[in-house]
Amino acid sequence: MTALSPVSRVLLCLLACVAQVASAMELPAQRLAPGGVARIALGESATAPRASFNGVPVLVLRDGTQWLALVGLGLSQAPGTASLVVRREGAAETRVPFEIKPHAYAEQRLKVAPGHVDLSKADLARYERERVHLAQVMATFSQPVPASLQLAQPSPGARSSSFGLRRVFNGQSRNPHSGMDIAAAQGTPVLAAAAGRVIDTGNYFFNGNTVWLDHGAGLLTLYCHLSAITVKPGDQLEAGATLGNVGATGRATGPHLHWSVSLNRAMVDPALFMAP
């Protein structure tokens, strides 16, 4: 057997270390349903494949000796057969099919100020401007992949409204709840769920005072209804750093934190990323 050179031994050691670190990374729980996360094995290759879902790039990371795609499935995603588009260096494009199953979410009826349901022309125009801007924020896709895929609850308190809840405001049905509501007192510090970069802050009609964090490769977190924002775009935050305080700005019935997780531009259940 031919002996390995010192350089080859070092390279093999580095590759083994990378594989061990990736394997040790806490992956989000899989839920093959709207609002969930699909974990799709991509096999082995020398370089990372690129993958996309519904035309949007997805997070690809090394899992042991293989590559793995983590795909966010939006609440509007239709159940049935879907496919991930995979591109490898020097190879033809391929598709990996997977099944998305239905998932039943609860319903909640709320009464809010009429102006937050039937919008005035001025409020509707503001909402449309904000919607375009926030879609651009959600399209953020940076490198490298997140250092950790496990998220911590950003504020103490009970979950007062769960992800996926179908909300009916003043008798009018609205889109399902795209985040997790955490009941907490006014002014309670809100912490970064993981290390990330602040990519947007502002006061929005529905979300009130808001902070967006980019954790890498299309994984973003959103913090809404804040009474105060203590960071600015461009700030690099460590996990657990304070970014604001709990409030009731925007469309809110009382002080609480609305926390959302976006993966490849799809709002997914934050609980899937939390330690059991």
C-alpha atoms as a PDB file:
ATOM      1  CA  MET A   1       0.000   0.000   0.000  1.00  0.00           C
ATOM      2  CA  THR A   2       1.330   3.464  -0.940  1.00  0.00           C
ATOM      3  CA  ALA A   3       2.051   5.637   2.100  1.00  0.00           C
ATOM      4  CA  LEU A   4       0.195   8.942   2.315  1.00  0.00           C
ATOM      5  CA  SER A   5       2.231  12.112   2.191  1.00  0.00           C
ATOM      6  CA  PRO A   6       2.087  14.455   5.208  1.00  0.00           C
ATOM      7  CA  VAL A   7      -0.037  16.916   3.201  1.00  0.00           C
ATOM      8  CA  SER A   8      -2.529  14.179   2.250  1.00  0.00           C
ATOM      9  CA  ARG A   9      -2.799  13.068   5.854  1.00  0.00           C
ATOM     10  CA  VAL A  10      -3.542  16.635   6.955  1.00  0.00           C
ATOM     11  CA  LEU A  11      -6.208  17.029   4.258  1.00  0.00           C
ATOM     12  CA  LEU A  12      -7.871  13.758   5.227  1.00  0.00           C
ATOM     13  CA  CYS A  13      -7.846  14.805   8.865  1.00  0.00           C
ATOM     14  CA  LEU A  14      -9.450  18.156   8.002  1.00  0.00           C
ATOM     15  CA  LEU A  15     -12.160  16.472   5.936  1.00  0.00           C
ATOM     16  CA  ALA A  16     -12.892  14.066   8.770  1.00  0.00           C
ATOM     17  CA  CYS A  17     -13.146  16.937  11.231  1.00  0.00           C
ATOM     18  CA  VAL A  18     -15.535  18.840   8.953  1.00  0.00           C
ATOM     19  CA  ALA A  19     -17.709  15.736   8.570  1.00  0.00           C
ATOM     20  CA  GLN A  20     -17.775  15.173  12.330  1.00  0.00           C
ATOM     21  CA  VAL A  21     -18.746  18.793  13.003  1.00  0.00           C
ATOM     22  CA  ALA A  22     -21.532  18.685  10.385  1.00  0.00           C
ATOM     23  CA  SER A  23     -22.827  15.391  11.723  1.00  0.00           C
ATOM     24  CA  ALA A  24     -22.914  16.846  15.226  1.00  0.00           C
ATOM     25  CA  MET A  25     -24.981  19.847  14.079  1.00  0.00           C
ATOM     26  CA  GLU A  26     -28.506  19.756  15.450  1.00  0.00           C
ATOM     27  CA  LEU A  27     -30.835  19.508  12.459  1.00  0.00           C
ATOM     28  CA  PRO A  28     -34.413  20.798  12.570  1.00  0.00           C
ATOM     29  CA  ALA A  29     -37.103  18.163  13.004  1.00  0.00           C
ATOM     30  CA  GLN A  30     -38.640  17.020   9.746  1.00  0.00           C
ATOM     31  CA  ARG A  31     -42.307  17.655   9.020  1.00  0.00           C
ATOM     32  CA  LEU A  32     -43.308  16.861   5.447  1.00  0.00           C
ATOM     33  CA  ALA A  33     -46.313  19.179   5.496  1.00  0.00           C
ATOM     34  CA  PRO A  34     -47.146  22.833   4.780  1.00  0.00           C
ATOM     35  CA  GLY A  35     -45.299  24.932   7.351  1.00  0.00           C
ATOM     36  CA  GLY A  36     -42.736  22.186   7.895  1.00  0.00           C
ATOM     37  CA  VAL A  37     -39.181  21.314   6.879  1.00  0.00           C
ATOM     38  CA  ALA A  38     -38.079  18.551   4.498  1.00  0.00           C
ATOM     39  CA  ARG A  39     -34.667  16.915   4.960  1.00  0.00           C
ATOM     40  CA  ILE A  40     -33.599  15.542   1.572  1.00  0.00           C
ATOM     41  CA  ALA A  41     -30.440  13.444   1.168  1.00  0.00           C
ATOM     42  CA  LEU A  42     -28.373  14.404  -1.887  1.00  0.00           C
ATOM     43  CA  GLY A  43     -25.698  11.694  -1.687  1.00  0.00           C
ATOM     44  CA  GLU A  44     -21.947  12.087  -1.914  1.00  0.00           C
ATOM     45  CA  SER A  45     -19.945  14.414  -4.148  1.00  0.00           C
ATOM     46  CA  ALA A  46     -16.627  16.201  -3.962  1.00  0.00           C
ATOM     47  CA  THR A  47     -18.241  19.636  -3.990  1.00  0.00           C
ATOM     48  CA  ALA A  48     -21.515  20.873  -2.600  1.00  0.00           C
ATOM     49  CA  PRO A  49     -24.435  20.524  -5.014  1.00  0.00           C
ATOM     50  CA  ARG A  50     -26.794  23.438  -5.506  1.00  0.00           C
ATOM     51  CA  ALA A  51     -30.483  22.885  -4.952  1.00  0.00           C
ATOM     52  CA  SER A  52     -33.668  24.900  -5.391  1.00  0.00           C
ATOM     53  CA  PHE A  53     -37.348  24.492  -4.583  1.00  0.00           C
ATOM     54  CA  ASN A  54     -40.060  26.426  -6.411  1.00  0.00           C
ATOM     55  CA  GLY A  55     -37.267  28.375  -8.079  1.00  0.00           C
ATOM     56  CA  VAL A  56     -35.725  29.472  -4.762  1.00  0.00           C
ATOM     57  CA  PRO A  57     -32.264  28.332  -3.576  1.00  0.00           C
ATOM     58  CA  VAL A  58     -32.280  26.125  -0.484  1.00  0.00           C
ATOM     59  CA  LEU A  59     -29.834  25.430   2.316  1.00  0.00           C
ATOM     60  CA  VAL A  60     -27.394  22.602   1.530  1.00  0.00           C
ATOM     61  CA  LEU A  61     -24.934  21.313   4.130  1.00  0.00           C
ATOM     62  CA  ARG A  62     -22.675  18.360   4.651  1.00  0.00           C
ATOM     63  CA  ASP A  63     -24.143  15.643   6.886  1.00  0.00           C
ATOM     64  CA  GLY A  64     -21.392  13.150   7.611  1.00  0.00           C
ATOM     65  CA  THR A  65     -20.048  12.002   4.244  1.00  0.00           C
ATOM     66  CA  GLN A  66     -23.135  13.109   2.319  1.00  0.00           C
ATOM     67  CA  TRP A  67     -24.886  16.331   1.409  1.00  0.00           C
ATOM     68  CA  LEU A  68     -28.286  17.251   2.765  1.00  0.00           C
ATOM     69  CA  ALA A  69     -30.845  19.828   1.624  1.00  0.00           C
ATOM     70  CA  LEU A  70     -33.135  21.505   4.164  1.00  0.00           C
ATOM     71  CA  VAL A  71     -36.285  22.750   2.449  1.00  0.00           C
ATOM     72  CA  GLY A  72     -38.812  25.104   4.004  1.00  0.00           C
ATOM     73  CA  LEU A  73     -42.417  24.314   3.011  1.00  0.00           C
ATOM     74  CA  GLY A  74     -44.681  27.358   3.149  1.00  0.00           C
ATOM     75  CA  LEU A  75     -48.156  27.221   4.664  1.00  0.00           C
ATOM     76  CA  SER A  76     -49.606  27.765   1.189  1.00  0.00           C
ATOM     77  CA  GLN A  77     -47.702  24.789  -0.250  1.00  0.00           C
ATOM     78  CA  ALA A  78     -50.154  22.277  -1.717  1.00  0.00           C
ATOM     79  CA  PRO A  79     -49.892  18.688  -0.436  1.00  0.00           C
ATOM     80  CA  GLY A  80     -48.837  16.068  -2.967  1.00  0.00           C
ATOM     81  CA  THR A  81     -45.695  15.191  -4.895  1.00  0.00           C
ATOM     82  CA  ALA A  82     -43.061  17.920  -5.069  1.00  0.00           C
ATOM     83  CA  SER A  83     -39.519  17.909  -6.380  1.00  0.00           C
ATOM     84  CA  LEU A  84     -36.204  19.460  -5.483  1.00  0.00           C
ATOM     85  CA  VAL A  85     -34.046  20.605  -8.403  1.00  0.00           C
ATOM     86  CA  VAL A  86     -30.395  19.615  -7.906  1.00  0.00           C
ATOM     87  CA  ARG A  87     -27.404  20.851  -9.911  1.00  0.00           C
ATOM     88  CA  ARG A  88     -23.985  19.272  -9.573  1.00  0.00           C
ATOM     89  CA  GLU A  89     -20.724  20.466 -11.052  1.00  0.00           C
ATOM     90  CA  GLY A  90     -20.207  18.908 -14.482  1.00  0.00           C
ATOM     91  CA  ALA A  91     -23.493  16.980 -14.408  1.00  0.00           C
ATOM     92  CA  ALA A  92     -26.984  17.414 -15.806  1.00  0.00           C
ATOM     93  CA  GLU A  93     -29.753  18.869 -13.654  1.00  0.00           C
ATOM     94  CA  THR A  94     -31.725  16.266 -11.719  1.00  0.00           C
ATOM     95  CA  ARG A  95     -34.949  16.249  -9.702  1.00  0.00           C
ATOM     96  CA  VAL A  96     -35.497  14.556  -6.357  1.00  0.00           C
ATOM     97  CA  PRO A  97     -39.211  13.882  -5.692  1.00  0.00           C
ATOM     98  CA  PHE A  98     -40.740  13.858  -2.208  1.00  0.00           C
ATOM     99  CA  GLU A  99     -44.240  13.773  -0.758  1.00  0.00           C
ATOM    100  CA  ILE A 100     -45.913  16.622   1.145  1.00  0.00           C
ATOM    101  CA  LYS A 101     -48.753  15.536   3.417  1.00  0.00           C
ATOM    102  CA  PRO A 102     -51.721  17.581   4.697  1.00  0.00           C
ATOM    103  CA  HIS A 103     -51.534  18.954   8.226  1.00  0.00           C
ATOM    104  CA  ALA A 104     -54.456  20.241  10.308  1.00  0.00           C
ATOM    105  CA  TYR A 105     -53.923  23.487  12.230  1.00  0.00           C
ATOM    106  CA  ALA A 106     -56.269  24.993  14.818  1.00  0.00           C
ATOM    107  CA  GLU A 107     -58.501  28.074  14.409  1.00  0.00           C
ATOM    108  CA  GLN A 108     -58.756  31.170  16.624  1.00  0.00           C
ATOM    109  CA  ARG A 109     -61.274  34.026  16.568  1.00  0.00           C
ATOM    110  CA  LEU A 110     -60.108  37.514  17.591  1.00  0.00           C
ATOM    111  CA  LYS A 111     -61.589  41.001  17.822  1.00  0.00           C
ATOM    112  CA  VAL A 112     -59.320  43.890  16.873  1.00  0.00           C
ATOM    113  CA  ALA A 113     -59.800  47.539  15.946  1.00  0.00           C
ATOM    114  CA  PRO A 114     -61.809  47.716  12.696  1.00  0.00           C
ATOM    115  CA  GLY A 115     -59.049  49.750  11.046  1.00  0.00           C
ATOM    116  CA  HIS A 116     -56.713  46.760  11.257  1.00  0.00           C
ATOM    117  CA  VAL A 117     -59.108  44.502   9.339  1.00  0.00           C
ATOM    118  CA  ASP A 118     -60.837  46.792   6.841  1.00  0.00           C
ATOM    119  CA  LEU A 119     -57.927  48.983   5.833  1.00  0.00           C
ATOM    120  CA  SER A 120     -58.326  52.577   4.717  1.00  0.00           C
ATOM    121  CA  LYS A 121     -56.889  53.545   1.325  1.00  0.00           C
ATOM    122  CA  ALA A 122     -53.882  55.115   3.038  1.00  0.00           C
ATOM    123  CA  ASP A 123     -53.252  52.076   5.233  1.00  0.00           C
ATOM    124  CA  LEU A 124     -53.682  49.717   2.288  1.00  0.00           C
ATOM    125  CA  ALA A 125     -51.167  51.725   0.252  1.00  0.00           C
ATOM    126  CA  ARG A 126     -48.736  51.602   3.184  1.00  0.00           C
ATOM    127  CA  TYR A 127     -49.205  47.847   3.538  1.00  0.00           C
ATOM    128  CA  GLU A 128     -48.538  47.291  -0.168  1.00  0.00           C
ATOM    129  CA  ARG A 129     -45.327  49.329  -0.001  1.00  0.00           C
ATOM    130  CA  GLU A 130     -44.188  47.383   3.039  1.00  0.00           C
ATOM    131  CA  ARG A 131     -45.126  44.034   1.467  1.00  0.00           C
ATOM    132  CA  VAL A 132     -42.827  44.677  -1.502  1.00  0.00           C
ATOM    133  CA  HIS A 133     -39.967  45.703   0.782  1.00  0.00           C
ATOM    134  CA  LEU A 134     -40.408  42.730   3.136  1.00  0.00           C
ATOM    135  CA  ALA A 135     -40.442  40.320   0.178  1.00  0.00           C
ATOM    136  CA  GLN A 136     -37.000  41.675  -0.749  1.00  0.00           C
ATOM    137  CA  VAL A 137     -35.809  41.151   2.828  1.00  0.00           C
ATOM    138  CA  MET A 138     -37.093  37.555   2.818  1.00  0.00           C
ATOM    139  CA  ALA A 139     -35.166  36.883  -0.410  1.00  0.00           C
ATOM    140  CA  THR A 140     -31.834  37.317   1.425  1.00  0.00           C
ATOM    141  CA  PHE A 141     -29.520  34.357   0.791  1.00  0.00           C
ATOM    142  CA  SER A 142     -26.009  34.723   2.172  1.00  0.00           C
ATOM    143  CA  GLN A 143     -23.025  32.451   2.730  1.00  0.00           C
ATOM    144  CA  PRO A 144     -21.897  30.434   4.595  1.00  0.00           C
ATOM    145  CA  VAL A 145     -24.431  28.034   6.100  1.00  0.00           C
ATOM    146  CA  PRO A 146     -25.489  28.794   9.699  1.00  0.00           C
ATOM    147  CA  ALA A 147     -23.054  27.872  12.448  1.00  0.00           C
ATOM    148  CA  SER A 148     -25.981  26.274  14.285  1.00  0.00           C
ATOM    149  CA  LEU A 149     -29.435  25.155  13.206  1.00  0.00           C
ATOM    150  CA  GLN A 150     -30.811  24.986  16.739  1.00  0.00           C
ATOM    151  CA  LEU A 151     -32.743  28.086  17.795  1.00  0.00           C
ATOM    152  CA  ALA A 152     -33.458  29.261  21.337  1.00  0.00           C
ATOM    153  CA  GLN A 153     -36.773  30.796  22.384  1.00  0.00           C
ATOM    154  CA  PRO A 154     -36.013  34.534  22.163  1.00  0.00           C
ATOM    155  CA  SER A 155     -38.087  35.602  25.157  1.00  0.00           C
ATOM    156  CA  PRO A 156     -39.316  33.847  28.298  1.00  0.00           C
ATOM    157  CA  GLY A 157     -43.026  33.158  28.485  1.00  0.00           C
ATOM    158  CA  ALA A 158     -45.779  30.808  27.432  1.00  0.00           C
ATOM    159  CA  ARG A 159     -46.679  30.274  23.790  1.00  0.00           C
ATOM    160  CA  SER A 160     -49.971  32.132  23.545  1.00  0.00           C
ATOM    161  CA  SER A 161     -50.615  31.375  19.892  1.00  0.00           C
ATOM    162  CA  SER A 162     -49.082  28.537  17.928  1.00  0.00           C
ATOM    163  CA  PHE A 163     -47.744  28.435  14.399  1.00  0.00           C
ATOM    164  CA  GLY A 164     -50.249  27.664  11.645  1.00  0.00           C
ATOM    165  CA  LEU A 165     -53.265  28.840  13.608  1.00  0.00           C
ATOM    166  CA  ARG A 166     -56.048  29.951  11.259  1.00  0.00           C
ATOM    167  CA  ARG A 167     -57.100  33.360  12.562  1.00  0.00           C
ATOM    168  CA  VAL A 168     -60.509  34.967  12.091  1.00  0.00           C
ATOM    169  CA  PHE A 169     -60.462  38.728  12.795  1.00  0.00           C
ATOM    170  CA  ASN A 170     -63.878  40.252  13.483  1.00  0.00           C
ATOM    171  CA  GLY A 171     -65.500  37.362  11.611  1.00  0.00           C
ATOM    172  CA  GLN A 172     -63.177  37.633   8.595  1.00  0.00           C
ATOM    173  CA  SER A 173     -60.773  34.769   7.870  1.00  0.00           C
ATOM    174  CA  ARG A 174     -57.133  35.671   7.326  1.00  0.00           C
ATOM    175  CA  ASN A 175     -53.947  33.833   6.442  1.00  0.00           C
ATOM    176  CA  PRO A 176     -52.689  31.242   8.942  1.00  0.00           C
ATOM    177  CA  HIS A 177     -50.447  32.472  11.743  1.00  0.00           C
ATOM    178  CA  SER A 178     -46.924  32.395  10.337  1.00  0.00           C
ATOM    179  CA  GLY A 179     -45.024  32.440  13.615  1.00  0.00           C
ATOM    180  CA  MET A 180     -45.034  31.683  17.313  1.00  0.00           C
ATOM    181  CA  ASP A 181     -46.527  34.160  19.789  1.00  0.00           C
ATOM    182  CA  ILE A 182     -44.851  34.309  23.194  1.00  0.00           C
ATOM    183  CA  ALA A 183     -46.713  35.990  26.064  1.00  0.00           C
ATOM    184  CA  ALA A 184     -44.377  38.291  27.988  1.00  0.00           C
ATOM    185  CA  ALA A 185     -44.613  41.542  29.909  1.00  0.00           C
ATOM    186  CA  GLN A 186     -44.069  44.904  28.250  1.00  0.00           C
ATOM    187  CA  GLY A 187     -40.359  45.684  28.094  1.00  0.00           C
ATOM    188  CA  THR A 188     -39.102  42.106  28.511  1.00  0.00           C
ATOM    189  CA  PRO A 189     -35.772  41.772  26.644  1.00  0.00           C
ATOM    190  CA  VAL A 190     -35.931  39.977  23.286  1.00  0.00           C
ATOM    191  CA  LEU A 191     -32.825  37.954  22.440  1.00  0.00           C
ATOM    192  CA  ALA A 192     -31.336  36.698  19.172  1.00  0.00           C
ATOM    193  CA  ALA A 193     -32.418  33.063  18.709  1.00  0.00           C
ATOM    194  CA  ALA A 194     -28.996  32.312  17.169  1.00  0.00           C
ATOM    195  CA  ALA A 195     -25.981  34.212  15.925  1.00  0.00           C
ATOM    196  CA  GLY A 196     -26.827  36.372  12.927  1.00  0.00           C
ATOM    197  CA  ARG A 197     -26.628  39.697  11.129  1.00  0.00           C
ATOM    198  CA  VAL A 198     -29.341  42.350  11.387  1.00  0.00           C
ATOM    199  CA  ILE A 199     -30.651  42.859   7.850  1.00  0.00           C
ATOM    200  CA  ASP A 200     -33.733  45.001   8.491  1.00  0.00           C
ATOM    201  CA  THR A 201     -35.432  47.035  11.205  1.00  0.00           C
ATOM    202  CA  GLY A 202     -38.485  49.240  11.026  1.00  0.00           C
ATOM    203  CA  ASN A 203     -42.014  50.003  12.086  1.00  0.00           C
ATOM    204  CA  TYR A 204     -44.587  48.199   9.934  1.00  0.00           C
ATOM    205  CA  PHE A 205     -48.371  48.446   9.826  1.00  0.00           C
ATOM    206  CA  PHE A 206     -49.136  44.889  10.914  1.00  0.00           C
ATOM    207  CA  ASN A 207     -45.840  43.831  12.544  1.00  0.00           C
ATOM    208  CA  GLY A 208     -45.091  47.033  14.448  1.00  0.00           C
ATOM    209  CA  ASN A 209     -41.452  47.531  15.469  1.00  0.00           C
ATOM    210  CA  THR A 210     -39.601  44.695  13.753  1.00  0.00           C
ATOM    211  CA  VAL A 211     -36.129  43.150  13.510  1.00  0.00           C
ATOM    212  CA  TRP A 212     -34.941  40.624  10.903  1.00  0.00           C
ATOM    213  CA  LEU A 213     -31.816  38.488  11.426  1.00  0.00           C
ATOM    214  CA  ASP A 214     -29.943  36.604   8.706  1.00  0.00           C
ATOM    215  CA  HIS A 215     -28.336  33.382   9.952  1.00  0.00           C
ATOM    216  CA  GLY A 216     -27.030  32.282   6.543  1.00  0.00           C
ATOM    217  CA  ALA A 217     -28.123  30.306   3.463  1.00  0.00           C
ATOM    218  CA  GLY A 218     -31.733  31.483   3.519  1.00  0.00           C
ATOM    219  CA  LEU A 219     -32.408  30.933   7.247  1.00  0.00           C
ATOM    220  CA  LEU A 220     -33.880  34.117   8.741  1.00  0.00           C
ATOM    221  CA  THR A 221     -35.670  34.978  11.975  1.00  0.00           C
ATOM    222  CA  LEU A 222     -38.220  37.748  12.521  1.00  0.00           C
ATOM    223  CA  TYR A 223     -39.146  39.548  15.779  1.00  0.00           C
ATOM    224  CA  CYS A 224     -42.325  41.687  15.819  1.00  0.00           C
ATOM    225  CA  HIS A 225     -44.446  44.078  17.952  1.00  0.00           C
ATOM    226  CA  LEU A 226     -41.382  45.335  19.838  1.00  0.00           C
ATOM    227  CA  SER A 227     -41.695  48.319  22.163  1.00  0.00           C
ATOM    228  CA  ALA A 228     -38.093  49.256  21.366  1.00  0.00           C
ATOM    229  CA  ILE A 229     -35.376  48.204  18.908  1.00  0.00           C
ATOM    230  CA  THR A 230     -31.803  48.262  20.215  1.00  0.00           C
ATOM    231  CA  VAL A 231     -29.916  47.184  17.068  1.00  0.00           C
ATOM    232  CA  LYS A 232     -29.449  48.504  13.537  1.00  0.00           C
ATOM    233  CA  PRO A 233     -28.953  46.913  10.099  1.00  0.00           C
ATOM    234  CA  GLY A 234     -25.441  45.562   9.691  1.00  0.00           C
ATOM    235  CA  ASP A 235     -24.964  44.660  13.357  1.00  0.00           C
ATOM    236  CA  GLN A 236     -23.529  41.188  13.943  1.00  0.00           C
ATOM    237  CA  LEU A 237     -25.193  39.561  16.939  1.00  0.00           C
ATOM    238  CA  GLU A 238     -24.129  36.622  19.022  1.00  0.00           C
ATOM    239  CA  ALA A 239     -26.748  34.092  20.069  1.00  0.00           C
ATOM    240  CA  GLY A 240     -28.596  35.502  23.072  1.00  0.00           C
ATOM    241  CA  ALA A 241     -27.743  39.151  22.369  1.00  0.00           C
ATOM    242  CA  THR A 242     -30.523  41.642  23.126  1.00  0.00           C
ATOM    243  CA  LEU A 243     -32.145  43.141  20.024  1.00  0.00           C
ATOM    244  CA  GLY A 244     -35.180  44.857  21.507  1.00  0.00           C
ATOM    245  CA  ASN A 245     -38.005  44.646  24.025  1.00  0.00           C
ATOM    246  CA  VAL A 246     -41.450  43.068  24.046  1.00  0.00           C
ATOM    247  CA  GLY A 247     -44.266  45.437  23.160  1.00  0.00           C
ATOM    248  CA  ALA A 248     -47.665  45.750  21.497  1.00  0.00           C
ATOM    249  CA  THR A 249     -46.903  47.842  18.405  1.00  0.00           C
ATOM    250  CA  GLY A 250     -48.625  47.103  15.084  1.00  0.00           C
ATOM    251  CA  ARG A 251     -51.640  44.786  15.066  1.00  0.00           C
ATOM    252  CA  ALA A 252     -51.497  43.350  18.568  1.00  0.00           C
ATOM    253  CA  THR A 253     -54.114  42.747  21.247  1.00  0.00           C
ATOM    254  CA  GLY A 254     -51.556  43.121  24.040  1.00  0.00           C
ATOM    255  CA  PRO A 255     -47.831  42.867  24.802  1.00  0.00           C
ATOM    256  CA  HIS A 256     -46.254  39.753  23.294  1.00  0.00           C
ATOM    257  CA  LEU A 257     -43.496  38.685  20.933  1.00  0.00           C
ATOM    258  CA  HIS A 258     -44.349  37.363  17.504  1.00  0.00           C
ATOM    259  CA  TRP A 259     -41.381  35.247  16.376  1.00  0.00           C
ATOM    260  CA  SER A 260     -41.093  33.755  12.894  1.00  0.00           C
ATOM    261  CA  VAL A 261     -38.564  31.560  11.101  1.00  0.00           C
ATOM    262  CA  SER A 262     -38.120  31.813   7.335  1.00  0.00           C
ATOM    263  CA  LEU A 263     -36.302  29.113   5.356  1.00  0.00           C
ATOM    264  CA  ASN A 264     -35.881  29.606   1.581  1.00  0.00           C
ATOM    265  CA  ARG A 265     -38.530  32.388   1.765  1.00  0.00           C
ATOM    266  CA  ALA A 266     -41.082  30.079   3.424  1.00  0.00           C
ATOM    267  CA  MET A 267     -42.382  30.710   6.923  1.00  0.00           C
ATOM    268  CA  VAL A 268     -41.959  27.458   8.874  1.00  0.00           C
ATOM    269  CA  ASP A 269     -42.748  26.296  12.392  1.00  0.00           C
ATOM    270  CA  PRO A 270     -40.088  27.691  14.789  1.00  0.00           C
ATOM    271  CA  ALA A 271     -40.679  24.728  17.148  1.00  0.00           C
ATOM    272  CA  LEU A 272     -38.980  22.461  14.585  1.00  0.00           C
ATOM    273  CA  PHE A 273     -35.695  24.275  15.253  1.00  0.00           C
ATOM    274  CA  MET A 274     -35.927  24.240  19.059  1.00  0.00           C
ATOM    275  CA  ALA A 275     -34.510  21.682  21.444  1.00  0.00           C
ATOM    276  CA  PRO A 276     -37.218  19.194  22.525  1.00  0.00           C
END
